Amino acid sequence: MTRPHEEQCELLIIGGGVMGLAAAWAASKKNNTKVCLLERGQMGHTAGSSHGRVRIARSTYADPGYVRLMTRARKTGWAPLEKTLSRALIRPVPGCIFGPQYGLVDTYRTGVEKGGVSVSSLNARAARHAFPGLSLQGKTVLSDPTVGIIDAEAAREGFRHLAVANGVQIIPETPVVAITPAKGHVYVQTENMGYLAERIIVTAGSWTGRSVPELHERLMV
């Protein structure tokens, strides 16, 4: 039995930043899946972590699992997305990771080697030539050929456009008041109405602890 002023959907996403929009698009590609997305502010607001013009793409990380994840994302995520939107989202640029010799940068070197990404060490002369604006004297320098500048706004708007085209219902300016799990569904209460969903995904960034209070002490912004 539904409650008054209640909307039903199979999947409800809480949070309309880039993570929420990407999840909405991915879910909407499954046939006949009704997806709703709630955003507490206006779409594209500047109070969260998804606003701004650019982000960085790279493969140099200390954790080899993350290195492999980035390799997979570039091949099976970003490349198909660019093709679908008919526009480039990542502009390749020269990039490097550097630091004191025998320091943390060596951990990054180990991480990328175990993760299967090819990086090269630059001697002092090569480093000065490749990155003249940096002071690299006495540093270990790793050149990362996968570095690029992500057009963050275009990516976010691209996800939104594709999600809406696939029938995702986006409801902005709708803060979530409470989330109540029950057998077979989840009830989400907002300031104006309730939503009954089979499943939910919370991508609320710094507001996640408010939406899911039992996780508040375990989350850190």
Protein backbone atom coordinates (compact mmCIF):
# COMPACT_ATOMS: atom_id res chain seq x y z
CA MET A 1 0.00 0.00 0.00
CA THR A 2 1.42 3.37 -0.99
CA ARG A 3 1.52 6.40 1.27
CA PRO A 4 -0.09 9.72 0.23
CA HIS A 5 1.94 11.82 -2.22
CA GLU A 6 4.25 8.95 -3.03
CA GLU A 7 6.32 8.28 -6.14
CA GLN A 8 7.45 4.78 -7.00
CA CYS A 9 10.59 3.76 -8.90
CA GLU A 10 12.82 0.74 -9.24
CA LEU A 11 16.03 2.61 -8.50
CA LEU A 12 16.34 5.89 -6.60
CA ILE A 13 19.63 7.79 -6.64
CA ILE A 14 20.28 10.39 -3.94
CA GLY A 15 22.75 13.04 -5.10
CA GLY A 16 22.98 14.69 -8.52
CA GLY A 17 26.70 15.28 -8.88
CA VAL A 18 28.86 13.49 -11.41
CA MET A 19 28.73 10.19 -9.51
CA GLY A 20 24.95 10.21 -9.24
CA LEU A 21 24.45 11.24 -12.87
CA ALA A 22 26.89 8.59 -14.09
CA ALA A 23 25.08 5.95 -12.04
CA ALA A 24 21.73 7.15 -13.37
CA TRP A 25 22.88 6.87 -16.97
CA ALA A 26 24.38 3.42 -16.42
CA ALA A 27 21.19 2.15 -14.77
CA SER A 28 18.94 3.72 -17.39
CA LYS A 29 20.59 1.65 -20.12
CA LYS A 30 18.82 -1.41 -18.74
CA ASN A 31 15.49 -1.79 -20.51
CA ASN A 32 12.35 -0.65 -18.70
CA THR A 33 14.14 0.32 -15.49
CA LYS A 34 12.46 3.33 -13.89
CA VAL A 35 15.21 5.51 -12.39
CA CYS A 36 14.67 8.63 -10.29
CA LEU A 37 17.37 10.98 -9.02
CA LEU A 38 17.00 13.42 -6.13
CA GLU A 39 19.32 16.42 -5.77
CA ARG A 40 19.16 18.62 -2.67
CA GLY A 41 20.16 21.79 -4.58
CA GLN A 42 20.01 23.04 -8.11
CA MET A 43 21.73 20.90 -10.70
CA GLY A 44 25.33 22.03 -11.09
CA HIS A 45 25.43 23.97 -7.80
CA THR A 46 28.77 25.00 -6.30
CA ALA A 47 28.30 23.68 -2.74
CA GLY A 48 29.45 20.13 -3.48
CA SER A 49 32.45 18.50 -5.12
CA SER A 50 31.31 18.19 -8.76
CA HIS A 51 31.44 21.84 -9.85
CA GLY A 52 34.36 23.46 -11.63
CA ARG A 53 35.84 23.35 -15.09
CA VAL A 54 38.58 20.73 -14.92
CA ARG A 55 39.83 17.57 -13.23
CA ILE A 56 42.98 15.52 -13.77
CA ALA A 57 43.23 12.04 -15.28
CA ARG A 58 46.33 9.98 -14.52
CA SER A 59 47.43 6.43 -13.83
CA THR A 60 50.23 6.98 -11.30
CA TYR A 61 49.00 5.77 -7.92
CA ALA A 62 50.59 3.86 -5.06
CA ASP A 63 47.82 1.24 -5.07
CA PRO A 64 48.13 -1.10 -8.07
CA GLY A 65 44.43 -1.87 -7.85
CA TYR A 66 43.66 1.80 -8.46
CA VAL A 67 46.13 1.85 -11.35
CA ARG A 68 44.28 -1.05 -12.99
CA LEU A 69 40.95 0.65 -12.30
CA MET A 70 42.08 3.81 -14.10
CA THR A 71 43.30 1.78 -17.06
CA ARG A 72 39.92 0.08 -17.26
CA ALA A 73 38.09 3.41 -16.91
CA ARG A 74 39.97 4.99 -19.80
CA LYS A 75 39.29 2.05 -22.13
CA THR A 76 35.77 0.97 -21.20
CA GLY A 77 34.39 4.15 -19.62
CA TRP A 78 35.78 7.39 -20.98
CA ALA A 79 36.38 6.26 -24.56
CA PRO A 80 32.80 4.97 -25.14
CA LEU A 81 31.38 8.06 -23.40
CA GLU A 82 33.32 10.38 -25.70
CA LYS A 83 32.07 8.41 -28.71
CA THR A 84 28.47 8.57 -27.49
CA LEU A 85 28.66 12.33 -26.91
CA SER A 86 30.67 12.93 -30.09
CA ARG A 87 33.18 15.08 -28.27
CA ALA A 88 36.53 14.78 -26.52
CA LEU A 89 36.38 14.94 -22.73
CA ILE A 90 40.06 14.32 -21.87
CA ARG A 91 42.82 16.45 -23.38
CA PRO A 92 46.25 14.73 -23.14
CA VAL A 93 48.98 16.88 -21.56
CA PRO A 94 52.52 16.15 -20.32
CA GLY A 95 52.42 15.02 -16.72
CA CYS A 96 54.67 13.68 -14.00
CA ILE A 97 54.85 12.61 -10.39
CA PHE A 98 57.90 13.77 -8.47
CA GLY A 99 59.28 13.85 -4.97
CA PRO A 100 62.38 13.40 -2.82
CA GLN A 101 64.61 10.49 -3.76
CA TYR A 102 63.79 7.29 -1.86
CA GLY A 103 60.52 8.80 -0.69
CA LEU A 104 56.84 8.28 -1.45
CA VAL A 105 57.44 8.58 -5.19
CA ASP A 106 59.14 5.18 -5.08
CA THR A 107 55.91 3.72 -3.70
CA TYR A 108 54.10 5.20 -6.70
CA ARG A 109 56.68 3.62 -9.02
CA THR A 110 56.03 0.22 -7.46
CA GLY A 111 52.28 0.73 -7.70
CA VAL A 112 52.25 1.50 -11.41
CA GLU A 113 54.67 -1.31 -12.19
CA LYS A 114 52.45 -3.84 -10.40
CA GLY A 115 49.37 -2.24 -12.00
CA GLY A 116 50.74 -2.77 -15.48
CA VAL A 117 51.17 0.87 -16.56
CA SER A 118 54.35 1.97 -18.30
CA VAL A 119 55.99 4.97 -16.66
CA SER A 120 59.52 6.18 -17.19
CA SER A 121 62.04 7.77 -14.86
CA LEU A 122 63.51 11.05 -16.08
CA ASN A 123 67.03 12.15 -15.33
CA ALA A 124 67.65 15.76 -14.28
CA ARG A 125 68.28 17.03 -17.81
CA ALA A 126 65.23 15.32 -19.33
CA ALA A 127 63.05 16.50 -16.45
CA ARG A 128 64.13 20.14 -16.88
CA HIS A 129 63.44 19.94 -20.60
CA ALA A 130 60.01 18.30 -20.23
CA PHE A 131 58.82 20.41 -17.28
CA PRO A 132 60.76 23.72 -17.27
CA GLY A 133 58.29 25.34 -14.89
CA LEU A 134 59.03 22.93 -12.05
CA SER A 135 61.95 22.84 -9.63
CA LEU A 136 63.00 19.20 -9.90
CA GLN A 137 66.64 19.34 -8.78
CA GLY A 138 67.41 16.33 -6.60
CA LYS A 139 63.95 14.84 -7.14
CA THR A 140 62.86 11.49 -8.51
CA VAL A 141 60.65 12.21 -11.52
CA LEU A 142 58.23 9.73 -13.09
CA SER A 143 56.74 10.65 -16.46
CA ASP A 144 53.10 9.48 -16.80
CA PRO A 145 52.00 9.31 -20.47
CA THR A 146 48.34 8.91 -19.50
CA VAL A 147 47.91 12.33 -17.87
CA GLY A 148 45.11 14.45 -19.25
CA ILE A 149 42.80 17.34 -18.38
CA ILE A 150 39.18 16.29 -17.97
CA ASP A 151 36.48 18.73 -19.12
CA ALA A 152 34.53 18.23 -15.90
CA GLU A 153 31.54 20.40 -16.79
CA ALA A 154 31.09 18.73 -20.17
CA ALA A 155 31.34 15.28 -18.58
CA ARG A 156 28.76 16.11 -15.91
CA GLU A 157 26.36 17.66 -18.40
CA GLY A 158 26.94 14.77 -20.78
CA PHE A 159 25.88 12.26 -18.13
CA ARG A 160 22.80 14.36 -17.34
CA HIS A 161 21.82 14.66 -21.01
CA LEU A 162 22.17 10.93 -21.63
CA ALA A 163 20.30 10.01 -18.44
CA VAL A 164 17.35 12.27 -19.25
CA ALA A 165 17.28 10.99 -22.84
CA ASN A 166 16.92 7.47 -21.42
CA GLY A 167 13.97 8.48 -19.25
CA VAL A 168 15.62 9.22 -15.90
CA GLN A 169 13.48 11.53 -13.78
CA ILE A 170 15.70 14.18 -12.18
CA ILE A 171 14.17 16.11 -9.26
CA PRO A 172 16.36 19.05 -8.09
CA GLU A 173 16.01 21.12 -4.92
CA THR A 174 14.68 18.12 -3.01
CA PRO A 175 16.62 17.39 0.20
CA VAL A 176 16.18 13.93 1.69
CA VAL A 177 14.87 13.91 5.25
CA ALA A 178 14.99 10.19 6.07
CA ILE A 179 15.76 6.80 4.53
CA THR A 180 13.83 3.83 5.92
CA PRO A 181 14.72 0.33 4.70
CA ALA A 182 11.91 -2.24 4.75
CA LYS A 183 11.35 -5.72 3.42
CA GLY A 184 11.57 -5.61 -0.35
CA HIS A 185 11.86 -1.84 -0.67
CA VAL A 186 13.29 1.39 0.71
CA TYR A 187 11.18 4.41 1.65
CA VAL A 188 12.81 7.82 1.16
CA GLN A 189 11.15 10.85 2.71
CA THR A 190 11.84 14.34 1.37
CA GLU A 191 10.51 17.67 2.59
CA ASN A 192 7.56 17.47 0.20
CA MET A 193 6.78 13.82 -0.50
CA GLY A 194 7.91 10.23 -0.23
CA TYR A 195 9.56 7.87 -2.70
CA LEU A 196 9.24 4.10 -2.65
CA ALA A 197 12.11 2.30 -4.37
CA GLU A 198 13.28 -1.27 -4.78
CA ARG A 199 16.90 -0.11 -4.45
CA ILE A 200 18.72 3.13 -3.72
CA ILE A 201 22.20 4.46 -4.43
CA VAL A 202 23.52 7.25 -2.19
CA THR A 203 26.01 9.57 -3.94
CA ALA A 204 25.48 12.55 -1.67
CA GLY A 205 29.11 13.45 -0.98
CA SER A 206 29.51 15.39 2.24
CA TRP A 207 25.77 15.03 2.97
CA THR A 208 25.94 11.22 3.08
CA GLY A 209 26.30 11.16 6.85
CA ARG A 210 23.06 13.14 7.20
CA SER A 211 21.20 10.87 4.82
CA VAL A 212 22.54 7.68 6.42
CA PRO A 213 23.17 8.63 10.08
CA GLU A 214 24.38 5.15 11.05
CA LEU A 215 27.40 5.72 8.79
CA HIS A 216 28.14 9.23 10.05
CA GLU A 217 31.00 8.27 12.38
CA ARG A 218 32.65 6.12 9.69
CA LEU A 219 32.67 8.75 6.95
CA MET A 220 35.15 11.56 6.54
CA VAL A 221 34.99 14.35 3.98
